[in-house]
Amino acid sequence: MRGLAILFLAALMALPAAAQQQATSAGSATIRVLDKISGEATDINIARSQTKLFGRLEIVLGDCRYPTNNPNSDAFAWLEIRDNSMDGAAFSGWMVASSPALNPMEHPRYDVWVLRCNNE
């Protein structure tokens, strides 16, 4: 029980350091789209505020950010994804490259996830 309390206190002490980590916005991102029916995976480079079409999907990148001190580290991107055959957005929110299941797009045909931010 004492070990658990020490672990909890150590985690609390680490929170301020993680909360202070700076993020930098990139000009574009690379995302991967999987067509679950054909099994084909396609990588798409998309610039911030650009719309890319893939099948029935319209994908818009709002922003792609990465830790300032470690550009090769974890990317997270704001995506708006619409399916032309559906009302409303199929997905709207942040996706994290290292944890695509954290906030996944629920779609019967396509999976979409962020691979990395690009500084071109």
Protein backbone atom coordinates (compact mmCIF):
# COMPACT_ATOMS: atom_id res chain seq x y z
CA MET A 1 0.00 0.00 0.00
CA ARG A 2 2.86 2.36 0.81
CA GLY A 3 4.42 1.65 -2.61
CA LEU A 4 1.17 2.60 -4.29
CA ALA A 5 1.06 5.89 -2.38
CA ILE A 6 4.65 6.69 -3.41
CA LEU A 7 3.85 5.89 -7.02
CA PHE A 8 0.79 8.15 -6.87
CA LEU A 9 2.81 11.04 -5.40
CA ALA A 10 5.51 10.61 -8.04
CA ALA A 11 2.87 10.76 -10.76
CA LEU A 12 1.41 13.95 -9.26
CA MET A 13 4.84 15.57 -9.16
CA ALA A 14 5.38 14.75 -12.85
CA LEU A 15 2.11 16.38 -13.95
CA PRO A 16 3.35 19.99 -13.90
CA ALA A 17 6.35 19.10 -16.07
CA ALA A 18 4.14 17.38 -18.63
CA ALA A 19 1.62 20.22 -18.56
CA GLN A 20 4.39 22.75 -19.31
CA GLN A 21 5.69 20.93 -22.39
CA GLN A 22 5.52 23.25 -25.39
CA ALA A 23 4.01 22.19 -28.70
CA THR A 24 4.82 23.51 -32.15
CA SER A 25 2.40 23.60 -35.08
CA ALA A 26 3.52 22.03 -38.34
CA GLY A 27 2.50 23.10 -41.81
CA SER A 28 1.18 19.68 -42.78
CA ALA A 29 0.61 16.12 -41.66
CA THR A 30 0.76 12.61 -43.02
CA ILE A 31 -2.31 10.52 -42.31
CA ARG A 32 -3.10 6.94 -43.26
CA VAL A 33 -6.49 5.85 -44.57
CA LEU A 34 -7.46 2.19 -44.60
CA ASP A 35 -10.30 1.02 -46.83
CA LYS A 36 -11.61 -1.91 -44.79
CA ILE A 37 -13.37 -3.45 -47.80
CA SER A 38 -10.42 -3.54 -50.22
CA GLY A 39 -7.75 -3.75 -47.51
CA GLU A 40 -5.82 -0.93 -49.21
CA ALA A 41 -3.93 1.52 -46.99
CA THR A 42 -3.04 4.91 -48.44
CA ASP A 43 -0.80 7.60 -46.94
CA ILE A 44 -1.99 11.15 -47.58
CA ASN A 45 -0.01 14.36 -47.07
CA ILE A 46 -2.34 17.21 -46.18
CA ALA A 47 -1.57 20.86 -45.45
CA ARG A 48 -3.20 22.79 -42.65
CA SER A 49 -6.71 24.00 -43.65
CA GLN A 50 -6.58 21.91 -46.82
CA THR A 51 -9.32 19.47 -47.84
CA LYS A 52 -8.34 16.11 -49.34
CA LEU A 53 -10.78 13.68 -50.90
CA PHE A 54 -10.45 9.93 -50.43
CA GLY A 55 -13.33 7.79 -51.66
CA ARG A 56 -16.43 9.20 -49.96
CA LEU A 57 -14.37 11.05 -47.35
CA GLU A 58 -13.52 14.74 -47.19
CA ILE A 59 -10.61 15.20 -44.79
CA VAL A 60 -9.63 18.62 -43.41
CA LEU A 61 -6.53 19.17 -41.27
CA GLY A 62 -7.08 21.91 -38.70
CA ASP A 63 -3.66 21.66 -37.07
CA CYS A 64 -0.82 19.23 -36.45
CA ARG A 65 1.35 19.69 -33.36
CA TYR A 66 4.39 17.99 -31.92
CA PRO A 67 6.56 18.53 -28.82
CA THR A 68 8.87 21.50 -29.50
CA ASN A 69 11.93 19.87 -27.95
CA ASN A 70 11.41 16.57 -29.80
CA PRO A 71 10.05 16.94 -33.37
CA ASN A 72 10.28 13.18 -33.97
CA SER A 73 8.12 12.49 -30.95
CA ASP A 74 4.38 12.09 -30.75
CA ALA A 75 2.23 14.05 -33.19
CA PHE A 76 -1.35 15.03 -32.56
CA ALA A 77 -3.68 16.47 -35.19
CA TRP A 78 -7.09 18.13 -35.30
CA LEU A 79 -9.10 16.52 -38.09
CA GLU A 80 -12.57 17.11 -39.47
CA ILE A 81 -13.74 14.15 -41.57
CA ARG A 82 -17.02 14.05 -43.47
CA ASP A 83 -18.58 11.21 -45.42
CA ASN A 84 -20.58 12.41 -48.42
CA SER A 85 -23.24 9.77 -47.73
CA MET A 86 -23.78 10.78 -44.07
CA ASP A 87 -25.25 13.78 -42.30
CA GLY A 88 -22.78 15.62 -40.10
CA ALA A 89 -19.13 14.85 -39.47
CA ALA A 90 -17.91 11.27 -39.30
CA PHE A 91 -15.13 12.58 -37.03
CA SER A 92 -14.18 15.91 -35.52
CA GLY A 93 -11.42 16.14 -32.96
CA TRP A 94 -7.82 15.42 -32.00
CA MET A 95 -6.06 12.22 -33.04
CA VAL A 96 -2.80 11.16 -31.39
CA ALA A 97 -0.25 9.32 -33.52
CA SER A 98 0.98 7.04 -30.72
CA SER A 99 -2.55 6.16 -29.55
CA PRO A 100 -4.92 6.00 -32.54
CA ALA A 101 -7.47 4.06 -30.48
CA LEU A 102 -7.66 6.87 -27.91
CA ASN A 103 -10.06 8.89 -30.08
CA PRO A 104 -10.83 6.80 -33.18
CA MET A 105 -13.10 7.55 -36.09
CA GLU A 106 -16.09 5.19 -36.01
CA HIS A 107 -16.86 4.42 -39.64
CA PRO A 108 -18.12 1.23 -41.31
CA ARG A 109 -15.72 1.41 -44.27
CA TYR A 110 -12.69 3.56 -43.42
CA ASP A 111 -10.11 3.87 -40.66
CA VAL A 112 -8.07 7.08 -40.49
CA TRP A 113 -5.11 7.81 -38.23
CA VAL A 114 -2.25 10.32 -37.93
CA LEU A 115 1.29 9.17 -38.69
CA ARG A 116 3.33 12.36 -38.23
CA CYS A 117 3.55 16.13 -38.59
CA ASN A 118 5.64 17.52 -41.47
CA ASN A 119 7.75 20.67 -41.46
CA GLU A 120 8.16 21.43 -45.14
